[in-house]
Amino acid sequence: MTVEVTDAPEHHRWEARIDGELVGFSQYKRHDGVITFFHTEVEREGVGVGTALVRTSLDAARAAGEQVHPVCPFYAGWIERHPEYQDLLHEKAPHLGEED
């Protein structure tokens, strides 16, 4: 089972599909070189949909030279567990692991 992740800018979200069926998405907003991820939904848990969404979208942000503001708790938690992506955090993003 392969998770295919694509950007759907007309819907302001990244979409995950398995065999053509929409099984998850991450909504975002882009502004001045920053992509803010604010909501993620996953229909099939335990098959890597969430990880595929986050990893693909963050890799694309890196390639585009964008910084990331993870308002979505799923994104924030994932980045906290994967320090190789913490360099993407926008300076105004809350520091992961710290209380506000």
PDB file of N, CA and C in Angstrom:
ATOM      1  N   MET A   1       0.852  -1.170   0.000  1.00  0.00           N
ATOM      2  CA  MET A   1       0.000   0.000   0.000  1.00  0.00           C
ATOM      3  C   MET A   1       0.901   1.238   0.000  1.00  0.00           C
ATOM      4  N   THR A   2       0.766   2.053  -1.019  1.00  0.00           N
ATOM      5  CA  THR A   2       1.583   3.245  -1.161  1.00  0.00           C
ATOM      6  C   THR A   2       0.740   4.485  -0.928  1.00  0.00           C
ATOM      7  N   VAL A   3       1.276   5.387  -0.110  1.00  0.00           N
ATOM      8  CA  VAL A   3       0.611   6.659   0.146  1.00  0.00           C
ATOM      9  C   VAL A   3       1.188   7.677  -0.834  1.00  0.00           C
ATOM     10  N   GLU A   4       0.332   8.253  -1.656  1.00  0.00           N
ATOM     11  CA  GLU A   4       0.750   9.278  -2.611  1.00  0.00           C
ATOM     12  C   GLU A   4       0.343  10.644  -2.044  1.00  0.00           C
ATOM     13  N   VAL A   5       1.317  11.535  -1.924  1.00  0.00           N
ATOM     14  CA  VAL A   5       1.068  12.863  -1.352  1.00  0.00           C
ATOM     15  C   VAL A   5       1.336  13.923  -2.412  1.00  0.00           C
ATOM     16  N   THR A   6       0.367  14.814  -2.592  1.00  0.00           N
ATOM     17  CA  THR A   6       0.502  15.892  -3.561  1.00  0.00           C
ATOM     18  C   THR A   6       0.001  17.198  -2.956  1.00  0.00           C
ATOM     19  N   ASP A   7       0.558  18.284  -3.444  1.00  0.00           N
ATOM     20  CA  ASP A   7       0.102  19.610  -3.045  1.00  0.00           C
ATOM     21  C   ASP A   7      -1.136  19.951  -3.861  1.00  0.00           C
ATOM     22  N   ALA A   8      -2.147  20.470  -3.189  1.00  0.00           N
ATOM     23  CA  ALA A   8      -3.370  20.926  -3.857  1.00  0.00           C
ATOM     24  C   ALA A   8      -3.541  22.404  -3.506  1.00  0.00           C
ATOM     25  N   PRO A   9      -2.738  23.280  -4.143  1.00  0.00           N
ATOM     26  CA  PRO A   9      -2.751  24.692  -3.762  1.00  0.00           C
ATOM     27  C   PRO A   9      -4.106  25.366  -3.934  1.00  0.00           C
ATOM     28  N   GLU A  10      -4.926  24.864  -4.842  1.00  0.00           N
ATOM     29  CA  GLU A  10      -6.248  25.443  -5.021  1.00  0.00           C
ATOM     30  C   GLU A  10      -7.146  25.225  -3.794  1.00  0.00           C
ATOM     31  N   HIS A  11      -6.789  24.223  -2.976  1.00  0.00           N
ATOM     32  CA  HIS A  11      -7.515  23.935  -1.735  1.00  0.00           C
ATOM     33  C   HIS A  11      -6.693  24.316  -0.494  1.00  0.00           C
ATOM     34  N   HIS A  12      -5.490  24.846  -0.712  1.00  0.00           N
ATOM     35  CA  HIS A  12      -4.580  25.228   0.379  1.00  0.00           C
ATOM     36  C   HIS A  12      -4.304  24.045   1.310  1.00  0.00           C
ATOM     37  N   ARG A  13      -3.976  22.933   0.695  1.00  0.00           N
ATOM     38  CA  ARG A  13      -3.680  21.753   1.502  1.00  0.00           C
ATOM     39  C   ARG A  13      -2.844  20.745   0.731  1.00  0.00           C
ATOM     40  N   TRP A  14      -2.136  19.931   1.496  1.00  0.00           N
ATOM     41  CA  TRP A  14      -1.470  18.755   0.969  1.00  0.00           C
ATOM     42  C   TRP A  14      -2.447  17.605   1.131  1.00  0.00           C
ATOM     43  N   GLU A  15      -2.536  16.731   0.136  1.00  0.00           N
ATOM     44  CA  GLU A  15      -3.476  15.626   0.167  1.00  0.00           C
ATOM     45  C   GLU A  15      -2.740  14.297   0.077  1.00  0.00           C
ATOM     46  N   ALA A  16      -3.233  13.322   0.848  1.00  0.00           N
ATOM     47  CA  ALA A  16      -2.694  11.964   0.814  1.00  0.00           C
ATOM     48  C   ALA A  16      -3.762  11.041   0.242  1.00  0.00           C
ATOM     49  N   ARG A  17      -3.339  10.200  -0.685  1.00  0.00           N
ATOM     50  CA  ARG A  17      -4.260   9.261  -1.320  1.00  0.00           C
ATOM     51  C   ARG A  17      -3.646   7.862  -1.338  1.00  0.00           C
ATOM     52  N   ILE A  18      -4.516   6.894  -1.190  1.00  0.00           N
ATOM     53  CA  ILE A  18      -4.147   5.488  -1.359  1.00  0.00           C
ATOM     54  C   ILE A  18      -5.076   4.937  -2.429  1.00  0.00           C
ATOM     55  N   ASP A  19      -4.502   4.429  -3.494  1.00  0.00           N
ATOM     56  CA  ASP A  19      -5.283   3.917  -4.627  1.00  0.00           C
ATOM     57  C   ASP A  19      -6.315   4.940  -5.105  1.00  0.00           C
ATOM     58  N   GLY A  20      -5.920   6.214  -5.120  1.00  0.00           N
ATOM     59  CA  GLY A  20      -6.782   7.274  -5.614  1.00  0.00           C
ATOM     60  C   GLY A  20      -7.786   7.818  -4.608  1.00  0.00           C
ATOM     61  N   GLU A  21      -7.938   7.156  -3.464  1.00  0.00           N
ATOM     62  CA  GLU A  21      -8.890   7.585  -2.440  1.00  0.00           C
ATOM     63  C   GLU A  21      -8.227   8.567  -1.476  1.00  0.00           C
ATOM     64  N   LEU A  22      -8.872   9.710  -1.243  1.00  0.00           N
ATOM     65  CA  LEU A  22      -8.371  10.688  -0.291  1.00  0.00           C
ATOM     66  C   LEU A  22      -8.450  10.104   1.111  1.00  0.00           C
ATOM     67  N   VAL A  23      -7.282  10.000   1.783  1.00  0.00           N
ATOM     68  CA  VAL A  23      -7.232   9.393   3.112  1.00  0.00           C
ATOM     69  C   VAL A  23      -6.644  10.343   4.158  1.00  0.00           C
ATOM     70  N   GLY A  24      -6.309  11.557   3.741  1.00  0.00           N
ATOM     71  CA  GLY A  24      -5.789  12.531   4.698  1.00  0.00           C
ATOM     72  C   GLY A  24      -5.395  13.813   4.003  1.00  0.00           C
ATOM     73  N   PHE A  25      -5.305  14.882   4.816  1.00  0.00           N
ATOM     74  CA  PHE A  25      -4.865  16.161   4.276  1.00  0.00           C
ATOM     75  C   PHE A  25      -4.326  17.035   5.396  1.00  0.00           C
ATOM     76  N   SER A  26      -3.503  17.995   4.991  1.00  0.00           N
ATOM     77  CA  SER A  26      -2.947  19.002   5.897  1.00  0.00           C
ATOM     78  C   SER A  26      -3.222  20.368   5.296  1.00  0.00           C
ATOM     79  N   GLN A  27      -3.976  21.183   6.007  1.00  0.00           N
ATOM     80  CA  GLN A  27      -4.304  22.525   5.524  1.00  0.00           C
ATOM     81  C   GLN A  27      -3.177  23.482   5.885  1.00  0.00           C
ATOM     82  N   TYR A  28      -2.939  24.433   4.996  1.00  0.00           N
ATOM     83  CA  TYR A  28      -1.866  25.395   5.213  1.00  0.00           C
ATOM     84  C   TYR A  28      -2.233  26.761   4.669  1.00  0.00           C
ATOM     85  N   LYS A  29      -1.406  27.721   5.063  1.00  0.00           N
ATOM     86  CA  LYS A  29      -1.485  29.079   4.526  1.00  0.00           C
ATOM     87  C   LYS A  29      -0.057  29.517   4.262  1.00  0.00           C
ATOM     88  N   ARG A  30       0.180  30.118   3.102  1.00  0.00           N
ATOM     89  CA  ARG A  30       1.512  30.621   2.755  1.00  0.00           C
ATOM     90  C   ARG A  30       1.490  32.142   2.781  1.00  0.00           C
ATOM     91  N   HIS A  31       2.571  32.715   3.339  1.00  0.00           N
ATOM     92  CA  HIS A  31       2.691  34.170   3.378  1.00  0.00           C
ATOM     93  C   HIS A  31       4.149  34.544   3.615  1.00  0.00           C
ATOM     94  N   ASP A  32       4.707  35.339   2.716  1.00  0.00           N
ATOM     95  CA  ASP A  32       6.065  35.872   2.860  1.00  0.00           C
ATOM     96  C   ASP A  32       7.112  34.798   3.179  1.00  0.00           C
ATOM     97  N   GLY A  33       7.106  33.720   2.441  1.00  0.00           N
ATOM     98  CA  GLY A  33       8.125  32.690   2.614  1.00  0.00           C
ATOM     99  C   GLY A  33       7.928  31.780   3.812  1.00  0.00           C
ATOM    100  N   VAL A  34       6.741  31.858   4.431  1.00  0.00           N
ATOM    101  CA  VAL A  34       6.431  31.004   5.584  1.00  0.00           C
ATOM    102  C   VAL A  34       5.178  30.200   5.248  1.00  0.00           C
ATOM    103  N   ILE A  35       5.236  28.912   5.514  1.00  0.00           N
ATOM    104  CA  ILE A  35       4.056  28.074   5.373  1.00  0.00           C
ATOM    105  C   ILE A  35       3.600  27.676   6.770  1.00  0.00           C
ATOM    106  N   THR A  36       2.355  28.018   7.079  1.00  0.00           N
ATOM    107  CA  THR A  36       1.772  27.702   8.386  1.00  0.00           C
ATOM    108  C   THR A  36       0.841  26.513   8.206  1.00  0.00           C
ATOM    109  N   PHE A  37       1.153  25.427   8.895  1.00  0.00           N
ATOM    110  CA  PHE A  37       0.293  24.254   8.883  1.00  0.00           C
ATOM    111  C   PHE A  37      -0.629  24.367  10.091  1.00  0.00           C
ATOM    112  N   PHE A  38      -1.958  24.381   9.836  1.00  0.00           N
ATOM    113  CA  PHE A  38      -2.856  24.619  10.956  1.00  0.00           C
ATOM    114  C   PHE A  38      -3.868  23.521  11.212  1.00  0.00           C
ATOM    115  N   HIS A  39      -3.993  22.543  10.329  1.00  0.00           N
ATOM    116  CA  HIS A  39      -4.950  21.462  10.597  1.00  0.00           C
ATOM    117  C   HIS A  39      -4.593  20.249   9.750  1.00  0.00           C
ATOM    118  N   THR A  40      -4.624  19.072  10.376  1.00  0.00           N
ATOM    119  CA  THR A  40      -4.357  17.822   9.675  1.00  0.00           C
ATOM    120  C   THR A  40      -5.435  16.814  10.041  1.00  0.00           C
ATOM    121  N   GLU A  41      -5.914  16.098   9.034  1.00  0.00           N
ATOM    122  CA  GLU A  41      -6.865  15.011   9.254  1.00  0.00           C
ATOM    123  C   GLU A  41      -6.359  13.774   8.539  1.00  0.00           C
ATOM    124  N   VAL A  42      -6.451  12.637   9.232  1.00  0.00           N
ATOM    125  CA  VAL A  42      -6.024  11.363   8.667  1.00  0.00           C
ATOM    126  C   VAL A  42      -7.166  10.365   8.847  1.00  0.00           C
ATOM    127  N   GLU A  43      -7.582   9.762   7.743  1.00  0.00           N
ATOM    128  CA  GLU A  43      -8.691   8.805   7.771  1.00  0.00           C
ATOM    129  C   GLU A  43      -8.234   7.386   8.119  1.00  0.00           C
ATOM    130  N   ARG A  44      -7.012   7.050   7.724  1.00  0.00           N
ATOM    131  CA  ARG A  44      -6.483   5.697   7.975  1.00  0.00           C
ATOM    132  C   ARG A  44      -5.247   5.814   8.846  1.00  0.00           C
ATOM    133  N   GLU A  45      -5.394   5.412  10.086  1.00  0.00           N
ATOM    134  CA  GLU A  45      -4.254   5.473  11.002  1.00  0.00           C
ATOM    135  C   GLU A  45      -3.462   4.178  10.948  1.00  0.00           C
ATOM    136  N   GLY A  46      -2.189   4.285  11.276  1.00  0.00           N
ATOM    137  CA  GLY A  46      -1.346   3.111  11.356  1.00  0.00           C
ATOM    138  C   GLY A  46      -0.760   2.629  10.047  1.00  0.00           C
ATOM    139  N   VAL A  47      -0.967   3.386   8.958  1.00  0.00           N
ATOM    140  CA  VAL A  47      -0.403   2.963   7.665  1.00  0.00           C
ATOM    141  C   VAL A  47       0.553   4.012   7.100  1.00  0.00           C
ATOM    142  N   GLY A  48       0.891   5.017   7.892  1.00  0.00           N
ATOM    143  CA  GLY A  48       1.891   5.990   7.479  1.00  0.00           C
ATOM    144  C   GLY A  48       1.370   7.204   6.744  1.00  0.00           C
ATOM    145  N   VAL A  49       0.056   7.429   6.776  1.00  0.00           N
ATOM    146  CA  VAL A  49      -0.514   8.576   6.070  1.00  0.00           C
ATOM    147  C   VAL A  49      -0.011   9.887   6.659  1.00  0.00           C
ATOM    148  N   GLY A  50      -0.078  10.036   7.978  1.00  0.00           N
ATOM    149  CA  GLY A  50       0.363  11.273   8.628  1.00  0.00           C
ATOM    150  C   GLY A  50       1.834  11.548   8.394  1.00  0.00           C
ATOM    151  N   THR A  51       2.653  10.539   8.551  1.00  0.00           N
ATOM    152  CA  THR A  51       4.088  10.704   8.330  1.00  0.00           C
ATOM    153  C   THR A  51       4.372  11.091   6.887  1.00  0.00           C
ATOM    154  N   ALA A  52       3.687  10.462   5.949  1.00  0.00           N
ATOM    155  CA  ALA A  52       3.891  10.798   4.536  1.00  0.00           C
ATOM    156  C   ALA A  52       3.505  12.245   4.256  1.00  0.00           C
ATOM    157  N   LEU A  53       2.384  12.699   4.833  1.00  0.00           N
ATOM    158  CA  LEU A  53       1.964  14.094   4.661  1.00  0.00           C
ATOM    159  C   LEU A  53       3.017  15.060   5.189  1.00  0.00           C
ATOM    160  N   VAL A  54       3.452  14.829   6.422  1.00  0.00           N
ATOM    161  CA  VAL A  54       4.398  15.756   7.045  1.00  0.00           C
ATOM    162  C   VAL A  54       5.739  15.742   6.325  1.00  0.00           C
ATOM    163  N   ARG A  55       6.283  14.574   6.129  1.00  0.00           N
ATOM    164  CA  ARG A  55       7.616  14.478   5.519  1.00  0.00           C
ATOM    165  C   ARG A  55       7.617  15.086   4.105  1.00  0.00           C
ATOM    166  N   THR A  56       6.624  14.765   3.296  1.00  0.00           N
ATOM    167  CA  THR A  56       6.576  15.273   1.927  1.00  0.00           C
ATOM    168  C   THR A  56       6.422  16.786   1.909  1.00  0.00           C
ATOM    169  N   SER A  57       5.517  17.309   2.729  1.00  0.00           N
ATOM    170  CA  SER A  57       5.287  18.755   2.736  1.00  0.00           C
ATOM    171  C   SER A  57       6.480  19.517   3.302  1.00  0.00           C
ATOM    172  N   LEU A  58       7.143  18.966   4.315  1.00  0.00           N
ATOM    173  CA  LEU A  58       8.322  19.640   4.867  1.00  0.00           C
ATOM    174  C   LEU A  58       9.500  19.575   3.901  1.00  0.00           C
ATOM    175  N   ASP A  59       9.649  18.461   3.214  1.00  0.00           N
ATOM    176  CA  ASP A  59      10.717  18.366   2.215  1.00  0.00           C
ATOM    177  C   ASP A  59      10.479  19.377   1.096  1.00  0.00           C
ATOM    178  N   ALA A  60       9.213  19.553   0.706  1.00  0.00           N
ATOM    179  CA  ALA A  60       8.885  20.542  -0.332  1.00  0.00           C
ATOM    180  C   ALA A  60       9.141  21.958   0.174  1.00  0.00           C
ATOM    181  N   ALA A  61       8.810  22.221   1.445  1.00  0.00           N
ATOM    182  CA  ALA A  61       9.073  23.543   2.026  1.00  0.00           C
ATOM    183  C   ALA A  61      10.573  23.827   2.013  1.00  0.00           C
ATOM    184  N   ARG A  62      11.362  22.843   2.378  1.00  0.00           N
ATOM    185  CA  ARG A  62      12.825  23.002   2.366  1.00  0.00           C
ATOM    186  C   ARG A  62      13.309  23.311   0.953  1.00  0.00           C
ATOM    187  N   ALA A  63      12.830  22.550  -0.029  1.00  0.00           N
ATOM    188  CA  ALA A  63      13.251  22.739  -1.420  1.00  0.00           C
ATOM    189  C   ALA A  63      12.853  24.118  -1.945  1.00  0.00           C
ATOM    190  N   ALA A  64      11.733  24.654  -1.447  1.00  0.00           N
ATOM    191  CA  ALA A  64      11.254  25.968  -1.892  1.00  0.00           C
ATOM    192  C   ALA A  64      11.864  27.111  -1.082  1.00  0.00           C
ATOM    193  N   GLY A  65      12.668  26.777  -0.071  1.00  0.00           N
ATOM    194  CA  GLY A  65      13.274  27.812   0.766  1.00  0.00           C
ATOM    195  C   GLY A  65      12.289  28.444   1.748  1.00  0.00           C
ATOM    196  N   GLU A  66      11.219  27.732   2.059  1.00  0.00           N
ATOM    197  CA  GLU A  66      10.215  28.242   2.993  1.00  0.00           C
ATOM    198  C   GLU A  66      10.561  27.861   4.429  1.00  0.00           C
ATOM    199  N   GLN A  67      10.114  28.690   5.349  1.00  0.00           N
ATOM    200  CA  GLN A  67      10.175  28.354   6.763  1.00  0.00           C
ATOM    201  C   GLN A  67       8.803  27.823   7.163  1.00  0.00           C
ATOM    202  N   VAL A  68       8.751  27.143   8.293  1.00  0.00           N
ATOM    203  CA  VAL A  68       7.535  26.468   8.713  1.00  0.00           C
ATOM    204  C   VAL A  68       7.068  26.982  10.070  1.00  0.00           C
ATOM    205  N   HIS A  69       5.771  27.203  10.168  1.00  0.00           N
ATOM    206  CA  HIS A  69       5.131  27.565  11.436  1.00  0.00           C
ATOM    207  C   HIS A  69       4.096  26.474  11.721  1.00  0.00           C
ATOM    208  N   PRO A  70       4.420  25.520  12.615  1.00  0.00           N
ATOM    209  CA  PRO A  70       3.526  24.388  12.860  1.00  0.00           C
ATOM    210  C   PRO A  70       2.488  24.683  13.950  1.00  0.00           C
ATOM    211  N   VAL A  71       1.400  25.328  13.573  1.00  0.00           N
ATOM    212  CA  VAL A  71       0.310  25.572  14.517  1.00  0.00           C
ATOM    213  C   VAL A  71      -0.410  24.259  14.821  1.00  0.00           C
ATOM    214  N   CYS A  72      -0.498  23.401  13.838  1.00  0.00           N
ATOM    215  CA  CYS A  72      -1.143  22.095  13.986  1.00  0.00           C
ATOM    216  C   CYS A  72      -0.349  21.241  14.989  1.00  0.00           C
ATOM    217  N   PRO A  73      -0.999  20.724  16.026  1.00  0.00           N
ATOM    218  CA  PRO A  73      -0.287  19.903  17.023  1.00  0.00           C
ATOM    219  C   PRO A  73       0.386  18.670  16.420  1.00  0.00           C
ATOM    220  N   PHE A  74      -0.206  18.099  15.378  1.00  0.00           N
ATOM    221  CA  PHE A  74       0.403  16.927  14.746  1.00  0.00           C
ATOM    222  C   PHE A  74       1.744  17.291  14.130  1.00  0.00           C
ATOM    223  N   TYR A  75       1.790  18.409  13.398  1.00  0.00           N
ATOM    224  CA  TYR A  75       3.039  18.867  12.792  1.00  0.00           C
ATOM    225  C   TYR A  75       4.066  19.232  13.867  1.00  0.00           C
ATOM    226  N   ALA A  76       3.635  19.964  14.876  1.00  0.00           N
ATOM    227  CA  ALA A  76       4.558  20.381  15.941  1.00  0.00           C
ATOM    228  C   ALA A  76       5.173  19.165  16.628  1.00  0.00           C
ATOM    229  N   GLY A  77       4.341  18.179  16.952  1.00  0.00           N
ATOM    230  CA  GLY A  77       4.845  16.972  17.607  1.00  0.00           C
ATOM    231  C   GLY A  77       5.778  16.181  16.718  1.00  0.00           C
ATOM    232  N   TRP A  78       5.450  16.087  15.437  1.00  0.00           N
ATOM    233  CA  TRP A  78       6.285  15.341  14.506  1.00  0.00           C
ATOM    234  C   TRP A  78       7.648  16.000  14.368  1.00  0.00           C
ATOM    235  N   ILE A  79       7.663  17.315  14.213  1.00  0.00           N
ATOM    236  CA  ILE A  79       8.937  18.040  14.089  1.00  0.00           C
ATOM    237  C   ILE A  79       9.741  17.918  15.377  1.00  0.00           C
ATOM    238  N   GLU A  80       9.088  17.934  16.510  1.00  0.00           N
ATOM    239  CA  GLU A  80       9.788  17.788  17.784  1.00  0.00           C
ATOM    240  C   GLU A  80      10.495  16.432  17.863  1.00  0.00           C
ATOM    241  N   ARG A  81       9.872  15.403  17.311  1.00  0.00           N
ATOM    242  CA  ARG A  81      10.468  14.057  17.328  1.00  0.00           C
ATOM    243  C   ARG A  81      11.490  13.835  16.217  1.00  0.00           C
ATOM    244  N   HIS A  82      11.586  14.764  15.267  1.00  0.00           N
ATOM    245  CA  HIS A  82      12.507  14.636  14.137  1.00  0.00           C
ATOM    246  C   HIS A  82      13.366  15.896  14.041  1.00  0.00           C
ATOM    247  N   PRO A  83      14.418  15.969  14.842  1.00  0.00           N
ATOM    248  CA  PRO A  83      15.232  17.189  14.899  1.00  0.00           C
ATOM    249  C   PRO A  83      15.858  17.594  13.573  1.00  0.00           C
ATOM    250  N   GLU A  84      15.954  16.677  12.616  1.00  0.00           N
ATOM    251  CA  GLU A  84      16.519  17.028  11.318  1.00  0.00           C
ATOM    252  C   GLU A  84      15.623  18.005  10.544  1.00  0.00           C
ATOM    253  N   TYR A  85      14.419  18.240  11.036  1.00  0.00           N
ATOM    254  CA  TYR A  85      13.513  19.197  10.404  1.00  0.00           C
ATOM    255  C   TYR A  85      13.358  20.496  11.209  1.00  0.00           C
ATOM    256  N   GLN A  86      13.959  20.589  12.369  1.00  0.00           N
ATOM    257  CA  GLN A  86      13.778  21.760  13.222  1.00  0.00           C
ATOM    258  C   GLN A  86      14.410  23.023  12.650  1.00  0.00           C
ATOM    259  N   ASP A  87      15.346  22.880  11.728  1.00  0.00           N
ATOM    260  CA  ASP A  87      15.930  24.067  11.103  1.00  0.00           C
ATOM    261  C   ASP A  87      14.936  24.798  10.205  1.00  0.00           C
ATOM    262  N   LEU A  88      13.824  24.166   9.882  1.00  0.00           N
ATOM    263  CA  LEU A  88      12.792  24.798   9.061  1.00  0.00           C
ATOM    264  C   LEU A  88      11.883  25.732   9.855  1.00  0.00           C
ATOM    265  N   LEU A  89      11.929  25.641  11.179  1.00  0.00           N
ATOM    266  CA  LEU A  89      11.010  26.419  12.006  1.00  0.00           C
ATOM    267  C   LEU A  89      11.226  27.912  11.846  1.00  0.00           C
ATOM    268  N   HIS A  90      10.131  28.613  11.649  1.00  0.00           N
ATOM    269  CA  HIS A  90      10.158  30.070  11.560  1.00  0.00           C
ATOM    270  C   HIS A  90      10.514  30.638  12.924  1.00  0.00           C
ATOM    271  N   GLU A  91      11.228  31.748  12.933  1.00  0.00           N
ATOM    272  CA  GLU A  91      11.698  32.345  14.198  1.00  0.00           C
ATOM    273  C   GLU A  91      10.558  32.699  15.143  1.00  0.00           C
ATOM    274  N   LYS A  92       9.365  32.954  14.628  1.00  0.00           N
ATOM    275  CA  LYS A  92       8.241  33.298  15.495  1.00  0.00           C
ATOM    276  C   LYS A  92       7.421  32.083  15.914  1.00  0.00           C
ATOM    277  N   ALA A  93       7.795  30.909  15.424  1.00  0.00           N
ATOM    278  CA  ALA A  93       7.101  29.688  15.827  1.00  0.00           C
ATOM    279  C   ALA A  93       7.456  29.390  17.282  1.00  0.00           C
ATOM    280  N   PRO A  94       6.500  28.893  18.053  1.00  0.00           N
ATOM    281  CA  PRO A  94       6.832  28.524  19.438  1.00  0.00           C
ATOM    282  C   PRO A  94       7.942  27.495  19.456  1.00  0.00           C
ATOM    283  N   HIS A  95       8.813  27.612  20.425  1.00  0.00           N
ATOM    284  CA  HIS A  95       9.891  26.620  20.537  1.00  0.00           C
ATOM    285  C   HIS A  95       9.279  25.307  20.999  1.00  0.00           C
ATOM    286  N   LEU A  96       9.539  24.266  20.221  1.00  0.00           N
ATOM    287  CA  LEU A  96       8.953  22.981  20.532  1.00  0.00           C
ATOM    288  C   LEU A  96       9.478  22.473  21.862  1.00  0.00           C
ATOM    289  N   GLY A  97       8.591  21.851  22.617  1.00  0.00           N
ATOM    290  CA  GLY A  97       8.978  21.296  23.907  1.00  0.00           C
ATOM    291  C   GLY A  97       8.936  22.303  25.043  1.00  0.00           C
ATOM    292  N   GLU A  98       8.641  23.557  24.760  1.00  0.00           N
ATOM    293  CA  GLU A  98       8.566  24.585  25.800  1.00  0.00           C
ATOM    294  C   GLU A  98       7.120  25.020  25.973  1.00  0.00           C
ATOM    295  N   GLU A  99       6.788  25.423  27.161  1.00  0.00           N
ATOM    296  CA  GLU A  99       5.458  25.940  27.450  1.00  0.00           C
ATOM    297  C   GLU A  99       5.354  27.361  26.923  1.00  0.00           C
ATOM    298  N   ASP A 100       4.153  27.751  26.478  1.00  0.00           N
ATOM    299  CA  ASP A 100       3.919  29.118  26.021  1.00  0.00           C
ATOM    300  C   ASP A 100       3.879  30.075  27.186  1.00  0.00           C
TER     301      ASP A 100
END
